[in-house]
PDBML (XML) file of the C-alpha atoms, coordinates in Angstrom:
<?xml version="1.0" encoding="UTF-8" ?>
<PDBx:datablock datablockName="MODEL"
   xmlns:PDBx="http://pdbml.pdb.org/schema/pdbx-v50.xsd"
   xmlns:xsi="http://www.w3.org/2001/XMLSchema-instance"
   xsi:schemaLocation="http://pdbml.pdb.org/schema/pdbx-v50.xsd pdbx-v50.xsd">
   <PDBx:atom_siteCategory>
      <PDBx:atom_site id="1">
         <PDBx:B_iso_or_equiv>0.00</PDBx:B_iso_or_equiv>
         <PDBx:Cartn_x>62.170</PDBx:Cartn_x>
         <PDBx:Cartn_y>-26.420</PDBx:Cartn_y>
         <PDBx:Cartn_z>-24.569</PDBx:Cartn_z>
         <PDBx:auth_asym_id>A</PDBx:auth_asym_id>
         <PDBx:auth_atom_id>CA</PDBx:auth_atom_id>
         <PDBx:auth_comp_id>UNK</PDBx:auth_comp_id>
         <PDBx:auth_seq_id>1</PDBx:auth_seq_id>
         <PDBx:group_PDB>ATOM</PDBx:group_PDB>
         <PDBx:label_alt_id xsi:nil="true" />
         <PDBx:label_asym_id>A</PDBx:label_asym_id>
         <PDBx:label_atom_id>CA</PDBx:label_atom_id>
         <PDBx:label_comp_id>UNK</PDBx:label_comp_id>
         <PDBx:label_entity_id>1</PDBx:label_entity_id>
         <PDBx:label_seq_id>1</PDBx:label_seq_id>
         <PDBx:occupancy>1.00</PDBx:occupancy>
         <PDBx:pdbx_PDB_model_num>1</PDBx:pdbx_PDB_model_num>
         <PDBx:type_symbol>C</PDBx:type_symbol>
      </PDBx:atom_site>
      <PDBx:atom_site id="2">
         <PDBx:B_iso_or_equiv>0.00</PDBx:B_iso_or_equiv>
         <PDBx:Cartn_x>62.847</PDBx:Cartn_x>
         <PDBx:Cartn_y>-29.385</PDBx:Cartn_y>
         <PDBx:Cartn_z>-26.785</PDBx:Cartn_z>
         <PDBx:auth_asym_id>A</PDBx:auth_asym_id>
         <PDBx:auth_atom_id>CA</PDBx:auth_atom_id>
         <PDBx:auth_comp_id>UNK</PDBx:auth_comp_id>
         <PDBx:auth_seq_id>2</PDBx:auth_seq_id>
         <PDBx:group_PDB>ATOM</PDBx:group_PDB>
         <PDBx:label_alt_id xsi:nil="true" />
         <PDBx:label_asym_id>A</PDBx:label_asym_id>
         <PDBx:label_atom_id>CA</PDBx:label_atom_id>
         <PDBx:label_comp_id>UNK</PDBx:label_comp_id>
         <PDBx:label_entity_id>1</PDBx:label_entity_id>
         <PDBx:label_seq_id>2</PDBx:label_seq_id>
         <PDBx:occupancy>1.00</PDBx:occupancy>
         <PDBx:pdbx_PDB_model_num>1</PDBx:pdbx_PDB_model_num>
         <PDBx:type_symbol>C</PDBx:type_symbol>
      </PDBx:atom_site>
      <PDBx:atom_site id="3">
         <PDBx:B_iso_or_equiv>0.00</PDBx:B_iso_or_equiv>
         <PDBx:Cartn_x>61.695</PDBx:Cartn_x>
         <PDBx:Cartn_y>-29.304</PDBx:Cartn_y>
         <PDBx:Cartn_z>-30.121</PDBx:Cartn_z>
         <PDBx:auth_asym_id>A</PDBx:auth_asym_id>
         <PDBx:auth_atom_id>CA</PDBx:auth_atom_id>
         <PDBx:auth_comp_id>UNK</PDBx:auth_comp_id>
         <PDBx:auth_seq_id>3</PDBx:auth_seq_id>
         <PDBx:group_PDB>ATOM</PDBx:group_PDB>
         <PDBx:label_alt_id xsi:nil="true" />
         <PDBx:label_asym_id>A</PDBx:label_asym_id>
         <PDBx:label_atom_id>CA</PDBx:label_atom_id>
         <PDBx:label_comp_id>UNK</PDBx:label_comp_id>
         <PDBx:label_entity_id>1</PDBx:label_entity_id>
         <PDBx:label_seq_id>3</PDBx:label_seq_id>
         <PDBx:occupancy>1.00</PDBx:occupancy>
         <PDBx:pdbx_PDB_model_num>1</PDBx:pdbx_PDB_model_num>
         <PDBx:type_symbol>C</PDBx:type_symbol>
      </PDBx:atom_site>
      <PDBx:atom_site id="4">
         <PDBx:B_iso_or_equiv>0.00</PDBx:B_iso_or_equiv>
         <PDBx:Cartn_x>60.797</PDBx:Cartn_x>
         <PDBx:Cartn_y>-32.029</PDBx:Cartn_y>
         <PDBx:Cartn_z>-32.810</PDBx:Cartn_z>
         <PDBx:auth_asym_id>A</PDBx:auth_asym_id>
         <PDBx:auth_atom_id>CA</PDBx:auth_atom_id>
         <PDBx:auth_comp_id>UNK</PDBx:auth_comp_id>
         <PDBx:auth_seq_id>4</PDBx:auth_seq_id>
         <PDBx:group_PDB>ATOM</PDBx:group_PDB>
         <PDBx:label_alt_id xsi:nil="true" />
         <PDBx:label_asym_id>A</PDBx:label_asym_id>
         <PDBx:label_atom_id>CA</PDBx:label_atom_id>
         <PDBx:label_comp_id>UNK</PDBx:label_comp_id>
         <PDBx:label_entity_id>1</PDBx:label_entity_id>
         <PDBx:label_seq_id>4</PDBx:label_seq_id>
         <PDBx:occupancy>1.00</PDBx:occupancy>
         <PDBx:pdbx_PDB_model_num>1</PDBx:pdbx_PDB_model_num>
         <PDBx:type_symbol>C</PDBx:type_symbol>
      </PDBx:atom_site>
      <PDBx:atom_site id="5">
         <PDBx:B_iso_or_equiv>0.00</PDBx:B_iso_or_equiv>
         <PDBx:Cartn_x>63.332</PDBx:Cartn_x>
         <PDBx:Cartn_y>-30.625</PDBx:Cartn_y>
         <PDBx:Cartn_z>-35.585</PDBx:Cartn_z>
         <PDBx:auth_asym_id>A</PDBx:auth_asym_id>
         <PDBx:auth_atom_id>CA</PDBx:auth_atom_id>
         <PDBx:auth_comp_id>UNK</PDBx:auth_comp_id>
         <PDBx:auth_seq_id>5</PDBx:auth_seq_id>
         <PDBx:group_PDB>ATOM</PDBx:group_PDB>
         <PDBx:label_alt_id xsi:nil="true" />
         <PDBx:label_asym_id>A</PDBx:label_asym_id>
         <PDBx:label_atom_id>CA</PDBx:label_atom_id>
         <PDBx:label_comp_id>UNK</PDBx:label_comp_id>
         <PDBx:label_entity_id>1</PDBx:label_entity_id>
         <PDBx:label_seq_id>5</PDBx:label_seq_id>
         <PDBx:occupancy>1.00</PDBx:occupancy>
         <PDBx:pdbx_PDB_model_num>1</PDBx:pdbx_PDB_model_num>
         <PDBx:type_symbol>C</PDBx:type_symbol>
      </PDBx:atom_site>
      <PDBx:atom_site id="6">
         <PDBx:B_iso_or_equiv>0.00</PDBx:B_iso_or_equiv>
         <PDBx:Cartn_x>67.218</PDBx:Cartn_x>
         <PDBx:Cartn_y>-30.374</PDBx:Cartn_y>
         <PDBx:Cartn_z>-33.972</PDBx:Cartn_z>
         <PDBx:auth_asym_id>A</PDBx:auth_asym_id>
         <PDBx:auth_atom_id>CA</PDBx:auth_atom_id>
         <PDBx:auth_comp_id>UNK</PDBx:auth_comp_id>
         <PDBx:auth_seq_id>6</PDBx:auth_seq_id>
         <PDBx:group_PDB>ATOM</PDBx:group_PDB>
         <PDBx:label_alt_id xsi:nil="true" />
         <PDBx:label_asym_id>A</PDBx:label_asym_id>
         <PDBx:label_atom_id>CA</PDBx:label_atom_id>
         <PDBx:label_comp_id>UNK</PDBx:label_comp_id>
         <PDBx:label_entity_id>1</PDBx:label_entity_id>
         <PDBx:label_seq_id>6</PDBx:label_seq_id>
         <PDBx:occupancy>1.00</PDBx:occupancy>
         <PDBx:pdbx_PDB_model_num>1</PDBx:pdbx_PDB_model_num>
         <PDBx:type_symbol>C</PDBx:type_symbol>
      </PDBx:atom_site>
      <PDBx:atom_site id="7">
         <PDBx:B_iso_or_equiv>0.00</PDBx:B_iso_or_equiv>
         <PDBx:Cartn_x>70.410</PDBx:Cartn_x>
         <PDBx:Cartn_y>-29.907</PDBx:Cartn_y>
         <PDBx:Cartn_z>-35.036</PDBx:Cartn_z>
         <PDBx:auth_asym_id>A</PDBx:auth_asym_id>
         <PDBx:auth_atom_id>CA</PDBx:auth_atom_id>
         <PDBx:auth_comp_id>UNK</PDBx:auth_comp_id>
         <PDBx:auth_seq_id>7</PDBx:auth_seq_id>
         <PDBx:group_PDB>ATOM</PDBx:group_PDB>
         <PDBx:label_alt_id xsi:nil="true" />
         <PDBx:label_asym_id>A</PDBx:label_asym_id>
         <PDBx:label_atom_id>CA</PDBx:label_atom_id>
         <PDBx:label_comp_id>UNK</PDBx:label_comp_id>
         <PDBx:label_entity_id>1</PDBx:label_entity_id>
         <PDBx:label_seq_id>7</PDBx:label_seq_id>
         <PDBx:occupancy>1.00</PDBx:occupancy>
         <PDBx:pdbx_PDB_model_num>1</PDBx:pdbx_PDB_model_num>
         <PDBx:type_symbol>C</PDBx:type_symbol>
      </PDBx:atom_site>
      <PDBx:atom_site id="8">
         <PDBx:B_iso_or_equiv>0.00</PDBx:B_iso_or_equiv>
         <PDBx:Cartn_x>74.190</PDBx:Cartn_x>
         <PDBx:Cartn_y>-30.292</PDBx:Cartn_y>
         <PDBx:Cartn_z>-33.938</PDBx:Cartn_z>
         <PDBx:auth_asym_id>A</PDBx:auth_asym_id>
         <PDBx:auth_atom_id>CA</PDBx:auth_atom_id>
         <PDBx:auth_comp_id>UNK</PDBx:auth_comp_id>
         <PDBx:auth_seq_id>8</PDBx:auth_seq_id>
         <PDBx:group_PDB>ATOM</PDBx:group_PDB>
         <PDBx:label_alt_id xsi:nil="true" />
         <PDBx:label_asym_id>A</PDBx:label_asym_id>
         <PDBx:label_atom_id>CA</PDBx:label_atom_id>
         <PDBx:label_comp_id>UNK</PDBx:label_comp_id>
         <PDBx:label_entity_id>1</PDBx:label_entity_id>
         <PDBx:label_seq_id>8</PDBx:label_seq_id>
         <PDBx:occupancy>1.00</PDBx:occupancy>
         <PDBx:pdbx_PDB_model_num>1</PDBx:pdbx_PDB_model_num>
         <PDBx:type_symbol>C</PDBx:type_symbol>
      </PDBx:atom_site>
      <PDBx:atom_site id="9">
         <PDBx:B_iso_or_equiv>0.00</PDBx:B_iso_or_equiv>
         <PDBx:Cartn_x>76.553</PDBx:Cartn_x>
         <PDBx:Cartn_y>-27.808</PDBx:Cartn_y>
         <PDBx:Cartn_z>-32.805</PDBx:Cartn_z>
         <PDBx:auth_asym_id>A</PDBx:auth_asym_id>
         <PDBx:auth_atom_id>CA</PDBx:auth_atom_id>
         <PDBx:auth_comp_id>UNK</PDBx:auth_comp_id>
         <PDBx:auth_seq_id>9</PDBx:auth_seq_id>
         <PDBx:group_PDB>ATOM</PDBx:group_PDB>
         <PDBx:label_alt_id xsi:nil="true" />
         <PDBx:label_asym_id>A</PDBx:label_asym_id>
         <PDBx:label_atom_id>CA</PDBx:label_atom_id>
         <PDBx:label_comp_id>UNK</PDBx:label_comp_id>
         <PDBx:label_entity_id>1</PDBx:label_entity_id>
         <PDBx:label_seq_id>9</PDBx:label_seq_id>
         <PDBx:occupancy>1.00</PDBx:occupancy>
         <PDBx:pdbx_PDB_model_num>1</PDBx:pdbx_PDB_model_num>
         <PDBx:type_symbol>C</PDBx:type_symbol>
      </PDBx:atom_site>
      <PDBx:atom_site id="10">
         <PDBx:B_iso_or_equiv>0.00</PDBx:B_iso_or_equiv>
         <PDBx:Cartn_x>80.167</PDBx:Cartn_x>
         <PDBx:Cartn_y>-27.527</PDBx:Cartn_y>
         <PDBx:Cartn_z>-33.043</PDBx:Cartn_z>
         <PDBx:auth_asym_id>A</PDBx:auth_asym_id>
         <PDBx:auth_atom_id>CA</PDBx:auth_atom_id>
         <PDBx:auth_comp_id>UNK</PDBx:auth_comp_id>
         <PDBx:auth_seq_id>10</PDBx:auth_seq_id>
         <PDBx:group_PDB>ATOM</PDBx:group_PDB>
         <PDBx:label_alt_id xsi:nil="true" />
         <PDBx:label_asym_id>A</PDBx:label_asym_id>
         <PDBx:label_atom_id>CA</PDBx:label_atom_id>
         <PDBx:label_comp_id>UNK</PDBx:label_comp_id>
         <PDBx:label_entity_id>1</PDBx:label_entity_id>
         <PDBx:label_seq_id>10</PDBx:label_seq_id>
         <PDBx:occupancy>1.00</PDBx:occupancy>
         <PDBx:pdbx_PDB_model_num>1</PDBx:pdbx_PDB_model_num>
         <PDBx:type_symbol>C</PDBx:type_symbol>
      </PDBx:atom_site>
      <PDBx:atom_site id="11">
         <PDBx:B_iso_or_equiv>0.00</PDBx:B_iso_or_equiv>
         <PDBx:Cartn_x>81.470</PDBx:Cartn_x>
         <PDBx:Cartn_y>-25.908</PDBx:Cartn_y>
         <PDBx:Cartn_z>-29.932</PDBx:Cartn_z>
         <PDBx:auth_asym_id>A</PDBx:auth_asym_id>
         <PDBx:auth_atom_id>CA</PDBx:auth_atom_id>
         <PDBx:auth_comp_id>UNK</PDBx:auth_comp_id>
         <PDBx:auth_seq_id>11</PDBx:auth_seq_id>
         <PDBx:group_PDB>ATOM</PDBx:group_PDB>
         <PDBx:label_alt_id xsi:nil="true" />
         <PDBx:label_asym_id>A</PDBx:label_asym_id>
         <PDBx:label_atom_id>CA</PDBx:label_atom_id>
         <PDBx:label_comp_id>UNK</PDBx:label_comp_id>
         <PDBx:label_entity_id>1</PDBx:label_entity_id>
         <PDBx:label_seq_id>11</PDBx:label_seq_id>
         <PDBx:occupancy>1.00</PDBx:occupancy>
         <PDBx:pdbx_PDB_model_num>1</PDBx:pdbx_PDB_model_num>
         <PDBx:type_symbol>C</PDBx:type_symbol>
      </PDBx:atom_site>
      <PDBx:atom_site id="12">
         <PDBx:B_iso_or_equiv>0.00</PDBx:B_iso_or_equiv>
         <PDBx:Cartn_x>84.937</PDBx:Cartn_x>
         <PDBx:Cartn_y>-25.607</PDBx:Cartn_y>
         <PDBx:Cartn_z>-31.177</PDBx:Cartn_z>
         <PDBx:auth_asym_id>A</PDBx:auth_asym_id>
         <PDBx:auth_atom_id>CA</PDBx:auth_atom_id>
         <PDBx:auth_comp_id>UNK</PDBx:auth_comp_id>
         <PDBx:auth_seq_id>12</PDBx:auth_seq_id>
         <PDBx:group_PDB>ATOM</PDBx:group_PDB>
         <PDBx:label_alt_id xsi:nil="true" />
         <PDBx:label_asym_id>A</PDBx:label_asym_id>
         <PDBx:label_atom_id>CA</PDBx:label_atom_id>
         <PDBx:label_comp_id>UNK</PDBx:label_comp_id>
         <PDBx:label_entity_id>1</PDBx:label_entity_id>
         <PDBx:label_seq_id>12</PDBx:label_seq_id>
         <PDBx:occupancy>1.00</PDBx:occupancy>
         <PDBx:pdbx_PDB_model_num>1</PDBx:pdbx_PDB_model_num>
         <PDBx:type_symbol>C</PDBx:type_symbol>
      </PDBx:atom_site>
      <PDBx:atom_site id="13">
         <PDBx:B_iso_or_equiv>0.00</PDBx:B_iso_or_equiv>
         <PDBx:Cartn_x>88.234</PDBx:Cartn_x>
         <PDBx:Cartn_y>-24.771</PDBx:Cartn_y>
         <PDBx:Cartn_z>-29.352</PDBx:Cartn_z>
         <PDBx:auth_asym_id>A</PDBx:auth_asym_id>
         <PDBx:auth_atom_id>CA</PDBx:auth_atom_id>
         <PDBx:auth_comp_id>UNK</PDBx:auth_comp_id>
         <PDBx:auth_seq_id>13</PDBx:auth_seq_id>
         <PDBx:group_PDB>ATOM</PDBx:group_PDB>
         <PDBx:label_alt_id xsi:nil="true" />
         <PDBx:label_asym_id>A</PDBx:label_asym_id>
         <PDBx:label_atom_id>CA</PDBx:label_atom_id>
         <PDBx:label_comp_id>UNK</PDBx:label_comp_id>
         <PDBx:label_entity_id>1</PDBx:label_entity_id>
         <PDBx:label_seq_id>13</PDBx:label_seq_id>
         <PDBx:occupancy>1.00</PDBx:occupancy>
         <PDBx:pdbx_PDB_model_num>1</PDBx:pdbx_PDB_model_num>
         <PDBx:type_symbol>C</PDBx:type_symbol>
      </PDBx:atom_site>
      <PDBx:atom_site id="14">
         <PDBx:B_iso_or_equiv>0.00</PDBx:B_iso_or_equiv>
         <PDBx:Cartn_x>88.622</PDBx:Cartn_x>
         <PDBx:Cartn_y>-21.227</PDBx:Cartn_y>
         <PDBx:Cartn_z>-28.162</PDBx:Cartn_z>
         <PDBx:auth_asym_id>A</PDBx:auth_asym_id>
         <PDBx:auth_atom_id>CA</PDBx:auth_atom_id>
         <PDBx:auth_comp_id>UNK</PDBx:auth_comp_id>
         <PDBx:auth_seq_id>14</PDBx:auth_seq_id>
         <PDBx:group_PDB>ATOM</PDBx:group_PDB>
         <PDBx:label_alt_id xsi:nil="true" />
         <PDBx:label_asym_id>A</PDBx:label_asym_id>
         <PDBx:label_atom_id>CA</PDBx:label_atom_id>
         <PDBx:label_comp_id>UNK</PDBx:label_comp_id>
         <PDBx:label_entity_id>1</PDBx:label_entity_id>
         <PDBx:label_seq_id>14</PDBx:label_seq_id>
         <PDBx:occupancy>1.00</PDBx:occupancy>
         <PDBx:pdbx_PDB_model_num>1</PDBx:pdbx_PDB_model_num>
         <PDBx:type_symbol>C</PDBx:type_symbol>
      </PDBx:atom_site>
      <PDBx:atom_site id="15">
         <PDBx:B_iso_or_equiv>0.00</PDBx:B_iso_or_equiv>
         <PDBx:Cartn_x>84.952</PDBx:Cartn_x>
         <PDBx:Cartn_y>-19.840</PDBx:Cartn_y>
         <PDBx:Cartn_z>-28.729</PDBx:Cartn_z>
         <PDBx:auth_asym_id>A</PDBx:auth_asym_id>
         <PDBx:auth_atom_id>CA</PDBx:auth_atom_id>
         <PDBx:auth_comp_id>UNK</PDBx:auth_comp_id>
         <PDBx:auth_seq_id>15</PDBx:auth_seq_id>
         <PDBx:group_PDB>ATOM</PDBx:group_PDB>
         <PDBx:label_alt_id xsi:nil="true" />
         <PDBx:label_asym_id>A</PDBx:label_asym_id>
         <PDBx:label_atom_id>CA</PDBx:label_atom_id>
         <PDBx:label_comp_id>UNK</PDBx:label_comp_id>
         <PDBx:label_entity_id>1</PDBx:label_entity_id>
         <PDBx:label_seq_id>15</PDBx:label_seq_id>
         <PDBx:occupancy>1.00</PDBx:occupancy>
         <PDBx:pdbx_PDB_model_num>1</PDBx:pdbx_PDB_model_num>
         <PDBx:type_symbol>C</PDBx:type_symbol>
      </PDBx:atom_site>
      <PDBx:atom_site id="16">
         <PDBx:B_iso_or_equiv>0.00</PDBx:B_iso_or_equiv>
         <PDBx:Cartn_x>83.468</PDBx:Cartn_x>
         <PDBx:Cartn_y>-21.311</PDBx:Cartn_y>
         <PDBx:Cartn_z>-25.495</PDBx:Cartn_z>
         <PDBx:auth_asym_id>A</PDBx:auth_asym_id>
         <PDBx:auth_atom_id>CA</PDBx:auth_atom_id>
         <PDBx:auth_comp_id>UNK</PDBx:auth_comp_id>
         <PDBx:auth_seq_id>16</PDBx:auth_seq_id>
         <PDBx:group_PDB>ATOM</PDBx:group_PDB>
         <PDBx:label_alt_id xsi:nil="true" />
         <PDBx:label_asym_id>A</PDBx:label_asym_id>
         <PDBx:label_atom_id>CA</PDBx:label_atom_id>
         <PDBx:label_comp_id>UNK</PDBx:label_comp_id>
         <PDBx:label_entity_id>1</PDBx:label_entity_id>
         <PDBx:label_seq_id>16</PDBx:label_seq_id>
         <PDBx:occupancy>1.00</PDBx:occupancy>
         <PDBx:pdbx_PDB_model_num>1</PDBx:pdbx_PDB_model_num>
         <PDBx:type_symbol>C</PDBx:type_symbol>
      </PDBx:atom_site>
      <PDBx:atom_site id="17">
         <PDBx:B_iso_or_equiv>0.00</PDBx:B_iso_or_equiv>
         <PDBx:Cartn_x>85.634</PDBx:Cartn_x>
         <PDBx:Cartn_y>-19.570</PDBx:Cartn_y>
         <PDBx:Cartn_z>-23.332</PDBx:Cartn_z>
         <PDBx:auth_asym_id>A</PDBx:auth_asym_id>
         <PDBx:auth_atom_id>CA</PDBx:auth_atom_id>
         <PDBx:auth_comp_id>UNK</PDBx:auth_comp_id>
         <PDBx:auth_seq_id>17</PDBx:auth_seq_id>
         <PDBx:group_PDB>ATOM</PDBx:group_PDB>
         <PDBx:label_alt_id xsi:nil="true" />
         <PDBx:label_asym_id>A</PDBx:label_asym_id>
         <PDBx:label_atom_id>CA</PDBx:label_atom_id>
         <PDBx:label_comp_id>UNK</PDBx:label_comp_id>
         <PDBx:label_entity_id>1</PDBx:label_entity_id>
         <PDBx:label_seq_id>17</PDBx:label_seq_id>
         <PDBx:occupancy>1.00</PDBx:occupancy>
         <PDBx:pdbx_PDB_model_num>1</PDBx:pdbx_PDB_model_num>
         <PDBx:type_symbol>C</PDBx:type_symbol>
      </PDBx:atom_site>
      <PDBx:atom_site id="18">
         <PDBx:B_iso_or_equiv>0.00</PDBx:B_iso_or_equiv>
         <PDBx:Cartn_x>86.386</PDBx:Cartn_x>
         <PDBx:Cartn_y>-16.076</PDBx:Cartn_y>
         <PDBx:Cartn_z>-25.601</PDBx:Cartn_z>
         <PDBx:auth_asym_id>A</PDBx:auth_asym_id>
         <PDBx:auth_atom_id>CA</PDBx:auth_atom_id>
         <PDBx:auth_comp_id>UNK</PDBx:auth_comp_id>
         <PDBx:auth_seq_id>18</PDBx:auth_seq_id>
         <PDBx:group_PDB>ATOM</PDBx:group_PDB>
         <PDBx:label_alt_id xsi:nil="true" />
         <PDBx:label_asym_id>A</PDBx:label_asym_id>
         <PDBx:label_atom_id>CA</PDBx:label_atom_id>
         <PDBx:label_comp_id>UNK</PDBx:label_comp_id>
         <PDBx:label_entity_id>1</PDBx:label_entity_id>
         <PDBx:label_seq_id>18</PDBx:label_seq_id>
         <PDBx:occupancy>1.00</PDBx:occupancy>
         <PDBx:pdbx_PDB_model_num>1</PDBx:pdbx_PDB_model_num>
         <PDBx:type_symbol>C</PDBx:type_symbol>
      </PDBx:atom_site>
      <PDBx:atom_site id="19">
         <PDBx:B_iso_or_equiv>0.00</PDBx:B_iso_or_equiv>
         <PDBx:Cartn_x>82.863</PDBx:Cartn_x>
         <PDBx:Cartn_y>-15.956</PDBx:Cartn_y>
         <PDBx:Cartn_z>-27.165</PDBx:Cartn_z>
         <PDBx:auth_asym_id>A</PDBx:auth_asym_id>
         <PDBx:auth_atom_id>CA</PDBx:auth_atom_id>
         <PDBx:auth_comp_id>UNK</PDBx:auth_comp_id>
         <PDBx:auth_seq_id>19</PDBx:auth_seq_id>
         <PDBx:group_PDB>ATOM</PDBx:group_PDB>
         <PDBx:label_alt_id xsi:nil="true" />
         <PDBx:label_asym_id>A</PDBx:label_asym_id>
         <PDBx:label_atom_id>CA</PDBx:label_atom_id>
         <PDBx:label_comp_id>UNK</PDBx:label_comp_id>
         <PDBx:label_entity_id>1</PDBx:label_entity_id>
         <PDBx:label_seq_id>19</PDBx:label_seq_id>
         <PDBx:occupancy>1.00</PDBx:occupancy>
         <PDBx:pdbx_PDB_model_num>1</PDBx:pdbx_PDB_model_num>
         <PDBx:type_symbol>C</PDBx:type_symbol>
      </PDBx:atom_site>
      <PDBx:atom_site id="20">
         <PDBx:B_iso_or_equiv>0.00</PDBx:B_iso_or_equiv>
         <PDBx:Cartn_x>80.665</PDBx:Cartn_x>
         <PDBx:Cartn_y>-17.694</PDBx:Cartn_y>
         <PDBx:Cartn_z>-25.407</PDBx:Cartn_z>
         <PDBx:auth_asym_id>A</PDBx:auth_asym_id>
         <PDBx:auth_atom_id>CA</PDBx:auth_atom_id>
         <PDBx:auth_comp_id>UNK</PDBx:auth_comp_id>
         <PDBx:auth_seq_id>20</PDBx:auth_seq_id>
         <PDBx:group_PDB>ATOM</PDBx:group_PDB>
         <PDBx:label_alt_id xsi:nil="true" />
         <PDBx:label_asym_id>A</PDBx:label_asym_id>
         <PDBx:label_atom_id>CA</PDBx:label_atom_id>
         <PDBx:label_comp_id>UNK</PDBx:label_comp_id>
         <PDBx:label_entity_id>1</PDBx:label_entity_id>
         <PDBx:label_seq_id>20</PDBx:label_seq_id>
         <PDBx:occupancy>1.00</PDBx:occupancy>
         <PDBx:pdbx_PDB_model_num>1</PDBx:pdbx_PDB_model_num>
         <PDBx:type_symbol>C</PDBx:type_symbol>
      </PDBx:atom_site>
      <PDBx:atom_site id="21">
         <PDBx:B_iso_or_equiv>0.00</PDBx:B_iso_or_equiv>
         <PDBx:Cartn_x>77.931</PDBx:Cartn_x>
         <PDBx:Cartn_y>-15.699</PDBx:Cartn_y>
         <PDBx:Cartn_z>-26.001</PDBx:Cartn_z>
         <PDBx:auth_asym_id>A</PDBx:auth_asym_id>
         <PDBx:auth_atom_id>CA</PDBx:auth_atom_id>
         <PDBx:auth_comp_id>UNK</PDBx:auth_comp_id>
         <PDBx:auth_seq_id>21</PDBx:auth_seq_id>
         <PDBx:group_PDB>ATOM</PDBx:group_PDB>
         <PDBx:label_alt_id xsi:nil="true" />
         <PDBx:label_asym_id>A</PDBx:label_asym_id>
         <PDBx:label_atom_id>CA</PDBx:label_atom_id>
         <PDBx:label_comp_id>UNK</PDBx:label_comp_id>
         <PDBx:label_entity_id>1</PDBx:label_entity_id>
         <PDBx:label_seq_id>21</PDBx:label_seq_id>
         <PDBx:occupancy>1.00</PDBx:occupancy>
         <PDBx:pdbx_PDB_model_num>1</PDBx:pdbx_PDB_model_num>
         <PDBx:type_symbol>C</PDBx:type_symbol>
      </PDBx:atom_site>
      <PDBx:atom_site id="22">
         <PDBx:B_iso_or_equiv>0.00</PDBx:B_iso_or_equiv>
         <PDBx:Cartn_x>77.832</PDBx:Cartn_x>
         <PDBx:Cartn_y>-17.057</PDBx:Cartn_y>
         <PDBx:Cartn_z>-29.899</PDBx:Cartn_z>
         <PDBx:auth_asym_id>A</PDBx:auth_asym_id>
         <PDBx:auth_atom_id>CA</PDBx:auth_atom_id>
         <PDBx:auth_comp_id>UNK</PDBx:auth_comp_id>
         <PDBx:auth_seq_id>22</PDBx:auth_seq_id>
         <PDBx:group_PDB>ATOM</PDBx:group_PDB>
         <PDBx:label_alt_id xsi:nil="true" />
         <PDBx:label_asym_id>A</PDBx:label_asym_id>
         <PDBx:label_atom_id>CA</PDBx:label_atom_id>
         <PDBx:label_comp_id>UNK</PDBx:label_comp_id>
         <PDBx:label_entity_id>1</PDBx:label_entity_id>
         <PDBx:label_seq_id>22</PDBx:label_seq_id>
         <PDBx:occupancy>1.00</PDBx:occupancy>
         <PDBx:pdbx_PDB_model_num>1</PDBx:pdbx_PDB_model_num>
         <PDBx:type_symbol>C</PDBx:type_symbol>
      </PDBx:atom_site>
      <PDBx:atom_site id="23">
         <PDBx:B_iso_or_equiv>0.00</PDBx:B_iso_or_equiv>
         <PDBx:Cartn_x>76.417</PDBx:Cartn_x>
         <PDBx:Cartn_y>-20.474</PDBx:Cartn_y>
         <PDBx:Cartn_z>-29.558</PDBx:Cartn_z>
         <PDBx:auth_asym_id>A</PDBx:auth_asym_id>
         <PDBx:auth_atom_id>CA</PDBx:auth_atom_id>
         <PDBx:auth_comp_id>UNK</PDBx:auth_comp_id>
         <PDBx:auth_seq_id>23</PDBx:auth_seq_id>
         <PDBx:group_PDB>ATOM</PDBx:group_PDB>
         <PDBx:label_alt_id xsi:nil="true" />
         <PDBx:label_asym_id>A</PDBx:label_asym_id>
         <PDBx:label_atom_id>CA</PDBx:label_atom_id>
         <PDBx:label_comp_id>UNK</PDBx:label_comp_id>
         <PDBx:label_entity_id>1</PDBx:label_entity_id>
         <PDBx:label_seq_id>23</PDBx:label_seq_id>
         <PDBx:occupancy>1.00</PDBx:occupancy>
         <PDBx:pdbx_PDB_model_num>1</PDBx:pdbx_PDB_model_num>
         <PDBx:type_symbol>C</PDBx:type_symbol>
      </PDBx:atom_site>
      <PDBx:atom_site id="24">
         <PDBx:B_iso_or_equiv>0.00</PDBx:B_iso_or_equiv>
         <PDBx:Cartn_x>74.267</PDBx:Cartn_x>
         <PDBx:Cartn_y>-19.697</PDBx:Cartn_y>
         <PDBx:Cartn_z>-27.097</PDBx:Cartn_z>
         <PDBx:auth_asym_id>A</PDBx:auth_asym_id>
         <PDBx:auth_atom_id>CA</PDBx:auth_atom_id>
         <PDBx:auth_comp_id>UNK</PDBx:auth_comp_id>
         <PDBx:auth_seq_id>24</PDBx:auth_seq_id>
         <PDBx:group_PDB>ATOM</PDBx:group_PDB>
         <PDBx:label_alt_id xsi:nil="true" />
         <PDBx:label_asym_id>A</PDBx:label_asym_id>
         <PDBx:label_atom_id>CA</PDBx:label_atom_id>
         <PDBx:label_comp_id>UNK</PDBx:label_comp_id>
         <PDBx:label_entity_id>1</PDBx:label_entity_id>
         <PDBx:label_seq_id>24</PDBx:label_seq_id>
         <PDBx:occupancy>1.00</PDBx:occupancy>
         <PDBx:pdbx_PDB_model_num>1</PDBx:pdbx_PDB_model_num>
         <PDBx:type_symbol>C</PDBx:type_symbol>
      </PDBx:atom_site>
      <PDBx:atom_site id="25">
         <PDBx:B_iso_or_equiv>0.00</PDBx:B_iso_or_equiv>
         <PDBx:Cartn_x>72.420</PDBx:Cartn_x>
         <PDBx:Cartn_y>-17.038</PDBx:Cartn_y>
         <PDBx:Cartn_z>-29.180</PDBx:Cartn_z>
         <PDBx:auth_asym_id>A</PDBx:auth_asym_id>
         <PDBx:auth_atom_id>CA</PDBx:auth_atom_id>
         <PDBx:auth_comp_id>UNK</PDBx:auth_comp_id>
         <PDBx:auth_seq_id>25</PDBx:auth_seq_id>
         <PDBx:group_PDB>ATOM</PDBx:group_PDB>
         <PDBx:label_alt_id xsi:nil="true" />
         <PDBx:label_asym_id>A</PDBx:label_asym_id>
         <PDBx:label_atom_id>CA</PDBx:label_atom_id>
         <PDBx:label_comp_id>UNK</PDBx:label_comp_id>
         <PDBx:label_entity_id>1</PDBx:label_entity_id>
         <PDBx:label_seq_id>25</PDBx:label_seq_id>
         <PDBx:occupancy>1.00</PDBx:occupancy>
         <PDBx:pdbx_PDB_model_num>1</PDBx:pdbx_PDB_model_num>
         <PDBx:type_symbol>C</PDBx:type_symbol>
      </PDBx:atom_site>
   </PDBx:atom_siteCategory>
</PDBx:datablock>
């Protein structure tokens, strides 16, 4: 879904591979 309200998220450097569930959650 695409909502009217939107925010950015910092993916970071180690988190995408070491804990990818965090930002998806």
